[in-house]
N, C-alpha and C. Protein backbone atom coordinates (compact mmCIF):
# COMPACT_ATOMS: atom_id res chain seq x y z
N MET A 1 0.84 -1.20 0.00
CA MET A 1 0.00 0.00 0.00
C MET A 1 0.88 1.25 0.00
N ILE A 2 0.46 2.23 -0.76
CA ILE A 2 1.17 3.51 -0.84
C ILE A 2 0.28 4.59 -0.26
N ASP A 3 0.85 5.43 0.57
CA ASP A 3 0.16 6.64 1.04
C ASP A 3 0.57 7.79 0.12
N LEU A 4 -0.41 8.46 -0.46
CA LEU A 4 -0.18 9.61 -1.33
C LEU A 4 -0.68 10.86 -0.64
N TYR A 5 0.19 11.83 -0.48
CA TYR A 5 -0.15 13.12 0.13
C TYR A 5 -0.21 14.13 -1.01
N THR A 6 -1.41 14.71 -1.22
CA THR A 6 -1.60 15.45 -2.46
C THR A 6 -2.70 16.50 -2.34
N PHE A 7 -2.85 17.25 -3.42
CA PHE A 7 -3.92 18.24 -3.52
C PHE A 7 -4.30 18.38 -4.99
N THR A 8 -5.32 19.17 -5.27
CA THR A 8 -5.88 19.27 -6.62
C THR A 8 -5.10 20.27 -7.48
N THR A 9 -3.82 19.98 -7.70
CA THR A 9 -2.95 20.80 -8.53
C THR A 9 -2.38 19.93 -9.64
N PRO A 10 -1.82 20.53 -10.69
CA PRO A 10 -1.21 19.70 -11.74
C PRO A 10 -0.15 18.74 -11.20
N ASN A 11 0.71 19.21 -10.31
CA ASN A 11 1.74 18.31 -9.79
C ASN A 11 1.15 17.17 -8.97
N GLY A 12 0.11 17.46 -8.21
CA GLY A 12 -0.55 16.41 -7.46
C GLY A 12 -1.21 15.40 -8.39
N ARG A 13 -1.88 15.89 -9.41
CA ARG A 13 -2.60 15.00 -10.33
C ARG A 13 -1.66 14.13 -11.14
N LYS A 14 -0.45 14.58 -11.39
CA LYS A 14 0.52 13.76 -12.12
C LYS A 14 0.67 12.40 -11.45
N VAL A 15 0.84 12.39 -10.14
CA VAL A 15 1.12 11.15 -9.43
C VAL A 15 -0.14 10.32 -9.24
N SER A 16 -1.27 10.95 -8.96
CA SER A 16 -2.50 10.15 -8.81
C SER A 16 -2.90 9.51 -10.13
N ILE A 17 -2.69 10.21 -11.24
CA ILE A 17 -2.96 9.61 -12.54
C ILE A 17 -2.06 8.40 -12.77
N MET A 18 -0.78 8.53 -12.44
CA MET A 18 0.13 7.41 -12.65
C MET A 18 -0.22 6.23 -11.76
N LEU A 19 -0.57 6.48 -10.52
CA LEU A 19 -0.97 5.39 -9.64
C LEU A 19 -2.20 4.67 -10.18
N GLU A 20 -3.14 5.44 -10.73
CA GLU A 20 -4.33 4.82 -11.33
C GLU A 20 -3.95 4.02 -12.57
N GLU A 21 -3.06 4.54 -13.40
CA GLU A 21 -2.64 3.81 -14.59
C GLU A 21 -1.94 2.51 -14.21
N LEU A 22 -1.16 2.54 -13.15
CA LEU A 22 -0.43 1.35 -12.70
C LEU A 22 -1.31 0.39 -11.93
N GLU A 23 -2.49 0.84 -11.51
CA GLU A 23 -3.41 0.04 -10.71
C GLU A 23 -2.76 -0.42 -9.40
N LEU A 24 -1.95 0.47 -8.84
CA LEU A 24 -1.34 0.18 -7.55
C LEU A 24 -2.28 0.61 -6.42
N PRO A 25 -2.39 -0.17 -5.37
CA PRO A 25 -3.23 0.24 -4.24
C PRO A 25 -2.62 1.43 -3.52
N TYR A 26 -3.44 2.43 -3.25
CA TYR A 26 -2.94 3.61 -2.54
C TYR A 26 -4.07 4.27 -1.77
N THR A 27 -3.68 5.04 -0.79
CA THR A 27 -4.63 5.85 -0.02
C THR A 27 -4.22 7.30 -0.19
N ALA A 28 -5.17 8.14 -0.61
CA ALA A 28 -4.89 9.56 -0.82
C ALA A 28 -5.21 10.34 0.45
N HIS A 29 -4.28 11.20 0.84
CA HIS A 29 -4.45 12.07 1.99
C HIS A 29 -4.40 13.52 1.49
N THR A 30 -5.41 14.29 1.83
CA THR A 30 -5.47 15.68 1.37
C THR A 30 -4.52 16.56 2.16
N ILE A 31 -3.66 17.25 1.45
CA ILE A 31 -2.80 18.29 2.04
C ILE A 31 -3.29 19.61 1.44
N ASP A 32 -4.14 20.30 2.16
CA ASP A 32 -4.77 21.51 1.65
C ASP A 32 -3.77 22.67 1.71
N ILE A 33 -3.17 22.97 0.57
CA ILE A 33 -2.13 24.00 0.56
C ILE A 33 -2.71 25.39 0.72
N THR A 34 -4.02 25.54 0.58
CA THR A 34 -4.65 26.84 0.81
C THR A 34 -4.82 27.12 2.30
N LYS A 35 -4.67 26.08 3.12
CA LYS A 35 -4.81 26.23 4.57
C LYS A 35 -3.49 26.03 5.31
N GLY A 36 -2.40 25.82 4.56
CA GLY A 36 -1.10 25.67 5.18
C GLY A 36 -0.78 24.29 5.68
N ASP A 37 -1.54 23.26 5.23
CA ASP A 37 -1.26 21.89 5.68
C ASP A 37 0.16 21.45 5.34
N GLN A 38 0.72 22.04 4.28
CA GLN A 38 2.05 21.62 3.84
C GLN A 38 3.16 22.02 4.80
N MET A 39 2.82 22.87 5.78
CA MET A 39 3.81 23.29 6.77
C MET A 39 3.73 22.49 8.07
N ALA A 40 2.82 21.53 8.14
CA ALA A 40 2.68 20.73 9.35
C ALA A 40 3.93 19.89 9.58
N PRO A 41 4.42 19.79 10.80
CA PRO A 41 5.65 19.02 11.07
C PRO A 41 5.58 17.58 10.57
N GLU A 42 4.40 16.96 10.65
CA GLU A 42 4.27 15.58 10.20
C GLU A 42 4.51 15.46 8.70
N PHE A 43 4.00 16.45 7.95
CA PHE A 43 4.19 16.41 6.51
C PHE A 43 5.62 16.75 6.14
N LEU A 44 6.24 17.66 6.86
CA LEU A 44 7.62 18.05 6.56
C LEU A 44 8.61 16.90 6.76
N LYS A 45 8.25 15.92 7.56
CA LYS A 45 9.10 14.75 7.70
C LYS A 45 9.16 13.94 6.40
N ILE A 46 8.08 14.02 5.63
CA ILE A 46 8.00 13.30 4.36
C ILE A 46 8.48 14.18 3.22
N SER A 47 8.11 15.46 3.27
CA SER A 47 8.45 16.41 2.21
C SER A 47 9.12 17.64 2.81
N PRO A 48 10.43 17.59 3.03
CA PRO A 48 11.13 18.71 3.66
C PRO A 48 11.00 20.02 2.89
N ASN A 49 10.71 19.96 1.60
CA ASN A 49 10.53 21.17 0.79
C ASN A 49 9.11 21.71 0.88
N ASN A 50 8.30 21.16 1.76
CA ASN A 50 6.91 21.55 2.01
C ASN A 50 6.08 21.72 0.73
N LYS A 51 6.26 20.76 -0.20
CA LYS A 51 5.49 20.76 -1.43
C LYS A 51 4.78 19.42 -1.60
N ILE A 52 3.61 19.48 -2.24
CA ILE A 52 2.96 18.23 -2.63
C ILE A 52 3.30 17.97 -4.08
N PRO A 53 3.25 16.70 -4.51
CA PRO A 53 2.86 15.50 -3.76
C PRO A 53 4.06 14.87 -3.05
N ALA A 54 3.72 13.91 -2.20
CA ALA A 54 4.73 13.08 -1.55
C ALA A 54 4.11 11.71 -1.35
N ILE A 55 4.95 10.71 -1.24
CA ILE A 55 4.43 9.36 -1.01
C ILE A 55 5.24 8.67 0.09
N VAL A 56 4.60 7.67 0.68
CA VAL A 56 5.28 6.68 1.51
C VAL A 56 4.86 5.32 0.97
N ASP A 57 5.83 4.54 0.52
CA ASP A 57 5.58 3.20 0.01
C ASP A 57 5.85 2.21 1.12
N HIS A 58 4.77 1.63 1.66
CA HIS A 58 4.91 0.74 2.80
C HIS A 58 5.43 -0.65 2.41
N ASP A 59 5.56 -0.90 1.10
CA ASP A 59 6.18 -2.15 0.68
C ASP A 59 7.63 -2.23 1.11
N ASN A 60 8.29 -1.05 1.09
CA ASN A 60 9.73 -1.07 1.39
C ASN A 60 10.17 0.11 2.26
N GLY A 61 9.21 0.90 2.74
CA GLY A 61 9.54 2.00 3.63
C GLY A 61 10.07 3.23 2.94
N VAL A 62 10.01 3.29 1.61
CA VAL A 62 10.51 4.44 0.87
C VAL A 62 9.58 5.63 1.06
N SER A 63 10.14 6.79 1.37
CA SER A 63 9.41 8.04 1.52
C SER A 63 10.00 9.02 0.51
N MET A 64 9.14 9.64 -0.31
CA MET A 64 9.66 10.48 -1.39
C MET A 64 8.85 11.74 -1.56
N MET A 65 9.54 12.82 -1.94
CA MET A 65 8.92 14.07 -2.37
C MET A 65 9.33 14.31 -3.83
N GLU A 66 8.81 15.37 -4.44
CA GLU A 66 9.10 15.79 -5.81
C GLU A 66 8.44 14.86 -6.81
N SER A 67 7.47 15.43 -7.54
CA SER A 67 6.61 14.63 -8.41
C SER A 67 7.38 13.85 -9.47
N GLY A 68 8.37 14.47 -10.11
CA GLY A 68 9.12 13.77 -11.14
C GLY A 68 9.88 12.59 -10.58
N ALA A 69 10.51 12.76 -9.43
CA ALA A 69 11.23 11.67 -8.79
C ALA A 69 10.28 10.55 -8.40
N ILE A 70 9.11 10.91 -7.88
CA ILE A 70 8.12 9.90 -7.50
C ILE A 70 7.69 9.09 -8.72
N MET A 71 7.45 9.77 -9.84
CA MET A 71 6.99 9.08 -11.04
C MET A 71 8.07 8.14 -11.60
N LEU A 72 9.31 8.58 -11.57
CA LEU A 72 10.39 7.71 -12.02
C LEU A 72 10.54 6.51 -11.08
N TYR A 73 10.38 6.74 -9.80
CA TYR A 73 10.43 5.65 -8.83
C TYR A 73 9.34 4.61 -9.13
N LEU A 74 8.12 5.09 -9.37
CA LEU A 74 7.01 4.17 -9.64
C LEU A 74 7.23 3.42 -10.95
N ALA A 75 7.80 4.11 -11.95
CA ALA A 75 8.10 3.45 -13.22
C ALA A 75 9.14 2.35 -13.03
N GLU A 76 10.18 2.64 -12.26
CA GLU A 76 11.21 1.64 -12.00
C GLU A 76 10.67 0.50 -11.15
N LYS A 77 9.81 0.82 -10.21
CA LYS A 77 9.23 -0.20 -9.33
C LYS A 77 8.42 -1.22 -10.11
N THR A 78 7.69 -0.73 -11.11
CA THR A 78 6.75 -1.59 -11.84
C THR A 78 7.26 -2.01 -13.22
N GLY A 79 8.27 -1.31 -13.74
CA GLY A 79 8.74 -1.60 -15.08
C GLY A 79 7.78 -1.16 -16.17
N LYS A 80 6.98 -0.15 -15.89
CA LYS A 80 5.96 0.30 -16.83
C LYS A 80 6.09 1.80 -17.12
N PHE A 81 5.66 2.17 -18.32
CA PHE A 81 5.53 3.56 -18.76
C PHE A 81 6.86 4.31 -18.88
N ILE A 82 7.92 3.55 -19.10
CA ILE A 82 9.21 4.18 -19.39
C ILE A 82 9.93 3.29 -20.39
N PRO A 83 10.47 3.85 -21.47
CA PRO A 83 11.14 3.03 -22.49
C PRO A 83 12.32 2.26 -21.89
N THR A 84 12.57 1.09 -22.48
CA THR A 84 13.66 0.25 -21.98
C THR A 84 14.94 0.39 -22.78
N SER A 85 14.84 0.80 -24.05
CA SER A 85 16.05 0.99 -24.84
C SER A 85 16.77 2.26 -24.39
N ASP A 86 18.09 2.30 -24.58
CA ASP A 86 18.85 3.48 -24.19
C ASP A 86 18.36 4.72 -24.92
N GLN A 87 18.14 4.60 -26.23
CA GLN A 87 17.69 5.75 -27.01
C GLN A 87 16.33 6.24 -26.55
N GLY A 88 15.40 5.30 -26.36
CA GLY A 88 14.06 5.68 -25.91
C GLY A 88 14.06 6.23 -24.50
N ARG A 89 14.88 5.64 -23.64
CA ARG A 89 14.94 6.09 -22.25
C ARG A 89 15.42 7.53 -22.15
N TRP A 90 16.45 7.88 -22.92
CA TRP A 90 16.98 9.23 -22.84
C TRP A 90 16.07 10.23 -23.54
N ALA A 91 15.40 9.82 -24.61
CA ALA A 91 14.40 10.70 -25.21
C ALA A 91 13.29 10.98 -24.21
N HIS A 92 12.91 9.96 -23.47
CA HIS A 92 11.89 10.13 -22.44
C HIS A 92 12.35 11.10 -21.37
N MET A 93 13.60 10.96 -20.96
CA MET A 93 14.14 11.86 -19.94
C MET A 93 14.13 13.30 -20.42
N GLU A 94 14.43 13.51 -21.71
CA GLU A 94 14.40 14.86 -22.27
C GLU A 94 13.05 15.52 -22.03
N TRP A 95 12.00 14.82 -22.40
CA TRP A 95 10.66 15.42 -22.34
C TRP A 95 10.13 15.50 -20.92
N LEU A 96 10.53 14.56 -20.08
CA LEU A 96 10.15 14.66 -18.67
C LEU A 96 10.86 15.83 -18.02
N MET A 97 12.14 16.02 -18.31
CA MET A 97 12.88 17.15 -17.73
C MET A 97 12.36 18.49 -18.26
N LEU A 98 11.89 18.51 -19.51
CA LEU A 98 11.27 19.73 -20.02
C LEU A 98 10.04 20.09 -19.19
N GLN A 99 9.26 19.08 -18.85
CA GLN A 99 8.09 19.36 -18.01
C GLN A 99 8.52 19.88 -16.65
N MET A 100 9.49 19.21 -16.05
CA MET A 100 9.89 19.57 -14.69
C MET A 100 10.57 20.94 -14.65
N GLY A 101 11.41 21.23 -15.64
CA GLY A 101 12.20 22.46 -15.59
C GLY A 101 11.62 23.62 -16.37
N GLY A 102 10.67 23.34 -17.29
CA GLY A 102 10.15 24.40 -18.13
C GLY A 102 8.64 24.52 -18.11
N ILE A 103 7.96 23.48 -18.55
CA ILE A 103 6.51 23.56 -18.70
C ILE A 103 5.82 23.88 -17.38
N GLY A 104 6.11 23.11 -16.34
CA GLY A 104 5.47 23.35 -15.05
C GLY A 104 5.81 24.71 -14.46
N PRO A 105 7.09 25.03 -14.31
CA PRO A 105 7.43 26.33 -13.71
C PRO A 105 6.93 27.54 -14.51
N MET A 106 7.02 27.49 -15.83
CA MET A 106 6.60 28.64 -16.63
C MET A 106 5.08 28.81 -16.64
N LEU A 107 4.35 27.72 -16.87
CA LEU A 107 2.90 27.83 -16.85
C LEU A 107 2.40 28.17 -15.44
N GLY A 108 3.11 27.68 -14.44
CA GLY A 108 2.75 28.01 -13.06
C GLY A 108 2.90 29.49 -12.76
N GLN A 109 3.89 30.13 -13.35
CA GLN A 109 4.04 31.58 -13.17
C GLN A 109 2.89 32.34 -13.83
N THR A 110 2.38 31.81 -14.94
CA THR A 110 1.20 32.42 -15.56
C THR A 110 0.01 32.36 -14.62
N HIS A 111 -0.16 31.22 -13.95
CA HIS A 111 -1.25 31.11 -12.98
C HIS A 111 -1.10 32.19 -11.91
N HIS A 112 0.12 32.39 -11.46
CA HIS A 112 0.36 33.35 -10.37
C HIS A 112 0.12 34.79 -10.81
N PHE A 113 0.71 35.18 -11.94
CA PHE A 113 0.66 36.58 -12.35
C PHE A 113 -0.60 36.95 -13.13
N VAL A 114 -1.13 36.02 -13.93
CA VAL A 114 -2.25 36.35 -14.81
C VAL A 114 -3.59 35.99 -14.18
N LYS A 115 -3.70 34.78 -13.62
CA LYS A 115 -4.98 34.37 -13.06
C LYS A 115 -5.25 35.00 -11.70
N TYR A 116 -4.25 34.94 -10.80
CA TYR A 116 -4.47 35.35 -9.43
C TYR A 116 -4.10 36.80 -9.12
N ASN A 117 -3.22 37.39 -9.90
CA ASN A 117 -2.79 38.76 -9.61
C ASN A 117 -2.76 39.62 -10.88
N PRO A 118 -3.85 39.65 -11.62
CA PRO A 118 -3.85 40.41 -12.87
C PRO A 118 -3.67 41.91 -12.63
N GLY A 119 -2.89 42.53 -13.50
CA GLY A 119 -2.72 43.98 -13.43
C GLY A 119 -1.62 44.45 -12.52
N LYS A 120 -1.04 43.55 -11.73
CA LYS A 120 -0.02 43.97 -10.76
C LYS A 120 1.38 44.03 -11.37
N ALA A 121 1.62 43.24 -12.38
CA ALA A 121 2.96 43.17 -12.97
C ALA A 121 2.83 42.96 -14.48
N PRO A 122 2.55 44.02 -15.23
CA PRO A 122 2.34 43.88 -16.69
C PRO A 122 3.51 43.20 -17.40
N TYR A 123 4.74 43.52 -16.99
CA TYR A 123 5.89 42.89 -17.63
C TYR A 123 5.87 41.37 -17.44
N ALA A 124 5.59 40.94 -16.21
CA ALA A 124 5.54 39.50 -15.92
C ALA A 124 4.41 38.83 -16.69
N GLU A 125 3.27 39.49 -16.75
CA GLU A 125 2.15 38.92 -17.51
C GLU A 125 2.54 38.71 -18.97
N GLU A 126 3.15 39.72 -19.57
CA GLU A 126 3.54 39.61 -20.98
C GLU A 126 4.59 38.51 -21.16
N ARG A 127 5.56 38.49 -20.27
CA ARG A 127 6.63 37.50 -20.37
C ARG A 127 6.08 36.08 -20.33
N TYR A 128 5.23 35.77 -19.35
CA TYR A 128 4.78 34.40 -19.19
C TYR A 128 3.70 34.02 -20.19
N LEU A 129 2.88 34.97 -20.63
CA LEU A 129 1.92 34.66 -21.68
C LEU A 129 2.65 34.33 -22.98
N ASN A 130 3.71 35.06 -23.28
CA ASN A 130 4.52 34.74 -24.46
C ASN A 130 5.21 33.38 -24.32
N GLU A 131 5.65 33.08 -23.11
CA GLU A 131 6.28 31.79 -22.88
C GLU A 131 5.27 30.65 -23.03
N ASN A 132 4.03 30.89 -22.61
CA ASN A 132 2.97 29.90 -22.84
C ASN A 132 2.91 29.53 -24.31
N LYS A 133 2.86 30.55 -25.15
CA LYS A 133 2.71 30.32 -26.59
C LYS A 133 3.91 29.56 -27.14
N ARG A 134 5.09 29.90 -26.65
CA ARG A 134 6.28 29.20 -27.12
C ARG A 134 6.24 27.73 -26.73
N ILE A 135 5.90 27.46 -25.47
CA ILE A 135 5.83 26.08 -24.98
C ILE A 135 4.77 25.29 -25.73
N TYR A 136 3.59 25.87 -25.90
CA TYR A 136 2.53 25.17 -26.63
C TYR A 136 3.00 24.87 -28.05
N GLY A 137 3.73 25.80 -28.65
CA GLY A 137 4.24 25.59 -29.99
C GLY A 137 5.24 24.45 -30.06
N VAL A 138 6.12 24.37 -29.07
CA VAL A 138 7.10 23.28 -29.00
C VAL A 138 6.38 21.93 -28.93
N LEU A 139 5.38 21.85 -28.05
CA LEU A 139 4.64 20.59 -27.89
C LEU A 139 3.85 20.25 -29.15
N ASP A 140 3.23 21.25 -29.75
CA ASP A 140 2.44 21.00 -30.95
C ASP A 140 3.32 20.49 -32.09
N LYS A 141 4.50 21.06 -32.24
CA LYS A 141 5.43 20.61 -33.28
C LYS A 141 5.88 19.18 -33.02
N ARG A 142 6.20 18.86 -31.78
CA ARG A 142 6.63 17.51 -31.43
C ARG A 142 5.54 16.49 -31.75
N LEU A 143 4.31 16.85 -31.44
CA LEU A 143 3.20 15.92 -31.59
C LEU A 143 2.67 15.84 -33.02
N ALA A 144 3.24 16.62 -33.91
CA ALA A 144 2.85 16.55 -35.32
C ALA A 144 3.21 15.21 -35.92
N ASP A 145 4.32 14.62 -35.46
CA ASP A 145 4.73 13.32 -36.01
C ASP A 145 5.01 12.29 -34.92
N HIS A 146 4.44 12.52 -33.73
CA HIS A 146 4.51 11.54 -32.64
C HIS A 146 3.12 11.43 -32.02
N GLU A 147 2.66 10.20 -31.82
CA GLU A 147 1.36 10.03 -31.18
C GLU A 147 1.39 10.55 -29.75
N TYR A 148 2.47 10.24 -29.05
CA TYR A 148 2.70 10.73 -27.69
C TYR A 148 4.07 11.41 -27.68
N LEU A 149 4.47 11.96 -26.58
CA LEU A 149 5.70 12.73 -26.54
C LEU A 149 6.92 11.89 -26.89
N VAL A 150 6.88 10.61 -26.51
CA VAL A 150 7.99 9.72 -26.86
C VAL A 150 7.41 8.44 -27.49
N ASP A 151 6.58 8.62 -28.50
CA ASP A 151 5.97 7.53 -29.27
C ASP A 151 4.93 6.76 -28.47
N GLU A 152 5.34 6.06 -27.41
CA GLU A 152 4.37 5.33 -26.60
C GLU A 152 4.02 6.15 -25.36
N TYR A 153 2.77 6.01 -24.92
CA TYR A 153 2.29 6.69 -23.72
C TYR A 153 3.22 6.40 -22.55
N SER A 154 3.66 7.44 -21.87
CA SER A 154 4.71 7.27 -20.86
C SER A 154 4.56 8.26 -19.72
N VAL A 155 5.51 8.17 -18.80
CA VAL A 155 5.57 9.10 -17.68
C VAL A 155 5.60 10.55 -18.17
N ALA A 156 6.30 10.80 -19.27
CA ALA A 156 6.40 12.16 -19.79
C ALA A 156 5.03 12.74 -20.14
N ASP A 157 4.15 11.91 -20.71
CA ASP A 157 2.80 12.37 -21.02
C ASP A 157 2.00 12.62 -19.76
N MET A 158 2.09 11.71 -18.81
CA MET A 158 1.34 11.86 -17.55
C MET A 158 1.79 13.08 -16.78
N ALA A 159 3.07 13.41 -16.89
CA ALA A 159 3.60 14.59 -16.18
C ALA A 159 3.16 15.88 -16.85
N THR A 160 3.07 15.88 -18.17
CA THR A 160 2.76 17.10 -18.91
C THR A 160 1.28 17.39 -18.99
N TRP A 161 0.48 16.36 -19.17
CA TRP A 161 -0.95 16.54 -19.43
C TRP A 161 -1.67 17.39 -18.37
N PRO A 162 -1.46 17.16 -17.06
CA PRO A 162 -2.20 17.98 -16.08
C PRO A 162 -1.92 19.47 -16.18
N TRP A 163 -0.72 19.84 -16.64
CA TRP A 163 -0.42 21.26 -16.80
C TRP A 163 -1.17 21.84 -18.00
N ILE A 164 -1.31 21.07 -19.06
CA ILE A 164 -2.07 21.54 -20.22
C ILE A 164 -3.56 21.55 -19.91
N SER A 165 -3.99 20.75 -18.94
CA SER A 165 -5.41 20.74 -18.58
C SER A 165 -5.86 22.07 -17.98
N ARG A 166 -4.92 22.93 -17.66
CA ARG A 166 -5.27 24.27 -17.16
C ARG A 166 -5.05 25.33 -18.24
N PHE A 167 -5.32 24.93 -19.47
CA PHE A 167 -5.17 25.88 -20.60
C PHE A 167 -6.02 27.12 -20.40
N ASP A 168 -7.17 26.99 -19.75
CA ASP A 168 -8.01 28.18 -19.53
C ASP A 168 -7.35 29.14 -18.55
N TRP A 169 -6.68 28.63 -17.53
CA TRP A 169 -5.95 29.49 -16.59
C TRP A 169 -4.84 30.24 -17.31
N GLN A 170 -4.32 29.61 -18.36
CA GLN A 170 -3.19 30.18 -19.10
C GLN A 170 -3.66 31.03 -20.28
N THR A 171 -4.98 31.21 -20.40
CA THR A 171 -5.62 31.97 -21.49
C THR A 171 -5.20 31.44 -22.86
N MET A 172 -5.06 30.12 -22.95
CA MET A 172 -4.65 29.49 -24.20
C MET A 172 -5.82 28.78 -24.87
N ASP A 173 -5.88 28.84 -26.19
CA ASP A 173 -6.91 28.18 -26.98
C ASP A 173 -6.29 26.95 -27.63
N LEU A 174 -6.66 25.77 -27.16
CA LEU A 174 -6.09 24.55 -27.70
C LEU A 174 -6.45 24.34 -29.17
N ASN A 175 -7.52 24.97 -29.62
CA ASN A 175 -7.89 24.83 -31.02
C ASN A 175 -6.84 25.41 -31.96
N GLU A 176 -5.98 26.28 -31.44
CA GLU A 176 -4.91 26.85 -32.26
C GLU A 176 -3.69 25.92 -32.35
N TYR A 177 -3.74 24.81 -31.61
CA TYR A 177 -2.62 23.86 -31.57
C TYR A 177 -3.20 22.46 -31.82
N PRO A 178 -3.53 22.14 -33.06
CA PRO A 178 -4.30 20.93 -33.35
C PRO A 178 -3.64 19.63 -32.92
N ASN A 179 -2.32 19.54 -33.00
CA ASN A 179 -1.64 18.31 -32.60
C ASN A 179 -1.66 18.14 -31.09
N LEU A 180 -1.46 19.24 -30.39
CA LEU A 180 -1.53 19.22 -28.93
C LEU A 180 -2.95 18.91 -28.48
N LYS A 181 -3.92 19.46 -29.15
CA LYS A 181 -5.32 19.20 -28.83
C LYS A 181 -5.65 17.72 -29.03
N ARG A 182 -5.22 17.13 -30.13
CA ARG A 182 -5.46 15.71 -30.38
C ARG A 182 -4.89 14.86 -29.27
N TRP A 183 -3.64 15.15 -28.88
CA TRP A 183 -2.98 14.44 -27.78
C TRP A 183 -3.74 14.62 -26.47
N TYR A 184 -4.12 15.86 -26.18
CA TYR A 184 -4.81 16.17 -24.93
C TYR A 184 -6.12 15.39 -24.82
N LEU A 185 -6.90 15.38 -25.88
CA LEU A 185 -8.20 14.71 -25.85
C LEU A 185 -8.03 13.20 -25.75
N ALA A 186 -7.03 12.65 -26.42
CA ALA A 186 -6.80 11.20 -26.35
C ALA A 186 -6.47 10.77 -24.93
N ILE A 187 -5.64 11.55 -24.24
CA ILE A 187 -5.28 11.21 -22.87
C ILE A 187 -6.47 11.43 -21.94
N ALA A 188 -7.24 12.46 -22.18
CA ALA A 188 -8.41 12.75 -21.33
C ALA A 188 -9.44 11.63 -21.39
N GLU A 189 -9.43 10.82 -22.43
CA GLU A 189 -10.38 9.72 -22.56
C GLU A 189 -9.97 8.49 -21.78
N ARG A 190 -8.77 8.44 -21.29
CA ARG A 190 -8.30 7.26 -20.57
C ARG A 190 -8.98 7.17 -19.20
N PRO A 191 -9.59 6.04 -18.87
CA PRO A 191 -10.29 5.91 -17.58
C PRO A 191 -9.40 6.21 -16.38
N ALA A 192 -8.15 5.77 -16.42
CA ALA A 192 -7.26 6.02 -15.28
C ALA A 192 -6.99 7.50 -15.11
N VAL A 193 -6.88 8.24 -16.21
CA VAL A 193 -6.68 9.69 -16.15
C VAL A 193 -7.91 10.35 -15.55
N GLN A 194 -9.08 9.90 -15.96
CA GLN A 194 -10.31 10.46 -15.42
C GLN A 194 -10.43 10.22 -13.92
N ARG A 195 -10.01 9.05 -13.47
CA ARG A 195 -10.05 8.78 -12.02
C ARG A 195 -9.00 9.60 -11.29
N GLY A 196 -7.79 9.59 -11.80
CA GLY A 196 -6.70 10.28 -11.13
C GLY A 196 -6.87 11.78 -11.06
N TYR A 197 -7.55 12.34 -12.07
CA TYR A 197 -7.78 13.79 -12.09
C TYR A 197 -8.59 14.24 -10.87
N HIS A 198 -9.45 13.39 -10.37
CA HIS A 198 -10.35 13.76 -9.27
C HIS A 198 -9.84 13.35 -7.90
N VAL A 199 -8.54 13.15 -7.78
CA VAL A 199 -7.90 12.85 -6.49
C VAL A 199 -7.20 14.10 -5.99
N PRO A 200 -7.35 14.47 -4.72
CA PRO A 200 -8.06 13.76 -3.65
C PRO A 200 -9.56 14.06 -3.59
N LYS A 201 -10.05 14.98 -4.44
CA LYS A 201 -11.48 15.25 -4.46
C LYS A 201 -11.83 15.83 -5.83
N LYS A 202 -13.10 15.74 -6.16
CA LYS A 202 -13.56 16.30 -7.43
C LYS A 202 -13.83 17.78 -7.26
N VAL A 203 -13.20 18.57 -8.12
CA VAL A 203 -13.39 20.01 -8.12
C VAL A 203 -14.23 20.43 -9.30
N GLN A 204 -13.96 19.84 -10.45
CA GLN A 204 -14.67 20.14 -11.67
C GLN A 204 -14.47 18.99 -12.65
N GLU A 205 -15.21 18.97 -13.72
CA GLU A 205 -14.95 18.02 -14.77
C GLU A 205 -13.63 18.37 -15.47
N ILE A 206 -13.07 17.39 -16.15
CA ILE A 206 -11.85 17.66 -16.92
C ILE A 206 -12.15 18.73 -17.96
N PRO A 207 -11.40 19.82 -18.00
CA PRO A 207 -11.66 20.89 -18.98
C PRO A 207 -11.54 20.39 -20.42
N MET A 208 -12.44 20.83 -21.26
CA MET A 208 -12.42 20.47 -22.66
C MET A 208 -12.34 21.72 -23.54
N PRO A 209 -11.52 21.67 -24.60
CA PRO A 209 -11.41 22.83 -25.48
C PRO A 209 -12.66 23.04 -26.31
């Protein structure tokens, strides 16, 4: 059994979607970051960086923070959703690292400056809205000749999809990125994604373009 400490954010949904895809038994615990639950001493023992998600795997006592590390751990544990060839594995790492170092942080800044604090920092709004368009363009070009980010559905897709699911927060129109839209809708139809999206609680239906 795995304990998952999470909330209804893209980073939280990445791991719950993967757990559902893997069909691993887990218990979800809500860490309400709007109420400061992430600063509780009990949670900090698991996630010293006071961020969700985090897991405790009671099969072997492993305790982990950082969504990308957790997903790679689960992939290694099960042998699923990560390419086995050297070429495929490193291509996968490329796109997963892009999500961790670029897509998530940049789109997250748009949420901060554009959705929650509009009008306070025009330069920041312009910078991150332009970066949104660049990132969406990169993904759309990649998906023009790839069904998924690395050919087969993988951790990289599960990590990226929840961030694109907030296209409305980013003031982005998926209809302008047909390859990205096709990919987004295909993943949204997966039953495990639909279940994982609503962990630890249902907030809304999966957004549709």
